[in-house]
């Protein structure tokens, strides 16, 4: 877990999840909030599980989720899922 998500410009929250079960290993900023952060991470993990069923053998590397005021950029690693929430 040597990835420095804090270095991402305009980030307002980060999280690192275990890819096997979605357990939050580390979170900061707006993703460190016990209610909103946990809920956001759980929803993103569920989206990844659902999309994996649709993609079959095509491996996903990155998922971007855009809202009016912020974005989530989700990158999949071998053992971890990296989430960065950025301001628009």
Protein backbone atom coordinates (compact mmCIF):
# COMPACT_ATOMS: atom_id res chain seq x y z
CA UNK A 1 0.00 0.00 0.00
CA UNK A 2 2.68 2.48 -1.01
CA UNK A 3 0.39 4.56 -3.25
CA UNK A 4 0.26 8.27 -2.33
CA UNK A 5 -3.33 9.26 -3.06
CA UNK A 6 -2.83 12.52 -1.16
CA UNK A 7 -0.73 13.80 -4.08
CA UNK A 8 -3.70 13.80 -6.46
CA UNK A 9 -4.66 17.42 -7.31
CA UNK A 10 -8.04 18.73 -6.08
CA UNK A 11 -8.67 15.62 -4.00
CA UNK A 12 -11.09 15.98 -1.09
CA UNK A 13 -11.06 12.37 0.03
CA UNK A 14 -9.27 9.09 -0.56
CA UNK A 15 -9.81 5.45 0.31
CA UNK A 16 -7.99 2.19 -0.16
CA UNK A 17 -10.15 -0.94 -0.11
CA UNK A 18 -9.24 -4.59 -0.02
CA UNK A 19 -10.22 -5.93 -3.44
CA UNK A 20 -11.44 -9.29 -2.12
CA UNK A 21 -14.17 -7.99 0.19
CA UNK A 22 -14.27 -4.17 -0.02
CA UNK A 23 -12.99 -3.67 3.52
CA UNK A 24 -11.71 -0.11 4.00
CA UNK A 25 -8.02 -0.28 4.85
CA UNK A 26 -7.37 3.47 4.87
CA UNK A 27 -9.47 6.57 4.25
CA UNK A 28 -9.00 10.33 4.45
CA UNK A 29 -10.98 13.53 4.00
CA UNK A 30 -14.61 13.22 2.98
CA UNK A 31 -14.24 9.45 2.57
CA UNK A 32 -13.14 9.14 6.20
CA UNK A 33 -16.62 10.12 7.40
CA UNK A 34 -18.19 7.14 9.15
CA UNK A 35 -21.59 7.55 7.45
CA UNK A 36 -20.95 9.12 4.05
CA UNK A 37 -17.49 7.64 3.47
CA UNK A 38 -18.42 4.08 4.38
CA UNK A 39 -21.60 4.30 2.32
CA UNK A 40 -19.78 5.72 -0.72
CA UNK A 41 -17.07 3.05 -0.57
CA UNK A 42 -19.63 0.27 -0.18
CA UNK A 43 -21.64 1.56 -3.15
CA UNK A 44 -18.55 1.83 -5.35
CA UNK A 45 -17.46 -1.70 -4.37
CA UNK A 46 -20.94 -2.99 -5.29
CA UNK A 47 -20.76 -1.17 -8.63
CA UNK A 48 -17.43 -2.87 -9.34
CA UNK A 49 -18.86 -6.28 -8.51
CA UNK A 50 -21.86 -5.69 -10.77
CA UNK A 51 -19.76 -4.36 -13.66
CA UNK A 52 -17.40 -7.35 -13.44
CA UNK A 53 -20.37 -9.59 -14.23
CA UNK A 54 -21.07 -7.59 -17.40
CA UNK A 55 -17.48 -7.39 -18.62
CA UNK A 56 -16.86 -11.15 -18.56
CA UNK A 57 -13.20 -11.61 -19.46
CA UNK A 58 -12.36 -7.94 -20.12
CA UNK A 59 -10.48 -6.66 -17.06
CA UNK A 60 -11.44 -3.21 -15.80
CA UNK A 61 -8.64 -0.92 -14.72
CA UNK A 62 -10.33 2.38 -13.94
CA UNK A 63 -13.83 3.65 -13.30
CA UNK A 64 -14.82 7.32 -13.28
CA UNK A 65 -18.05 8.49 -11.65
CA UNK A 66 -18.98 12.12 -12.30
CA UNK A 67 -21.35 14.35 -10.38
CA UNK A 68 -22.01 18.10 -10.63
CA UNK A 69 -19.66 19.11 -7.81
CA UNK A 70 -17.26 16.17 -7.51
CA UNK A 71 -15.91 13.04 -9.19
CA UNK A 72 -14.77 9.65 -8.01
CA UNK A 73 -11.83 8.04 -9.78
CA UNK A 74 -11.51 4.36 -8.95
CA UNK A 75 -8.40 2.41 -9.92
CA UNK A 76 -8.11 -1.34 -9.50
CA UNK A 77 -4.85 -2.87 -8.38
CA UNK A 78 -3.95 -6.49 -7.83
CA UNK A 79 -4.98 -6.56 -4.15
CA UNK A 80 -6.44 -3.10 -3.56
CA UNK A 81 -9.00 -0.68 -4.91
CA UNK A 82 -7.95 2.97 -4.84
CA UNK A 83 -10.65 5.66 -4.67
CA UNK A 84 -10.04 9.38 -4.99
CA UNK A 85 -12.83 11.92 -4.64
CA UNK A 86 -11.99 15.21 -6.37
CA UNK A 87 -13.67 18.59 -6.64
CA UNK A 88 -14.83 19.66 -10.07
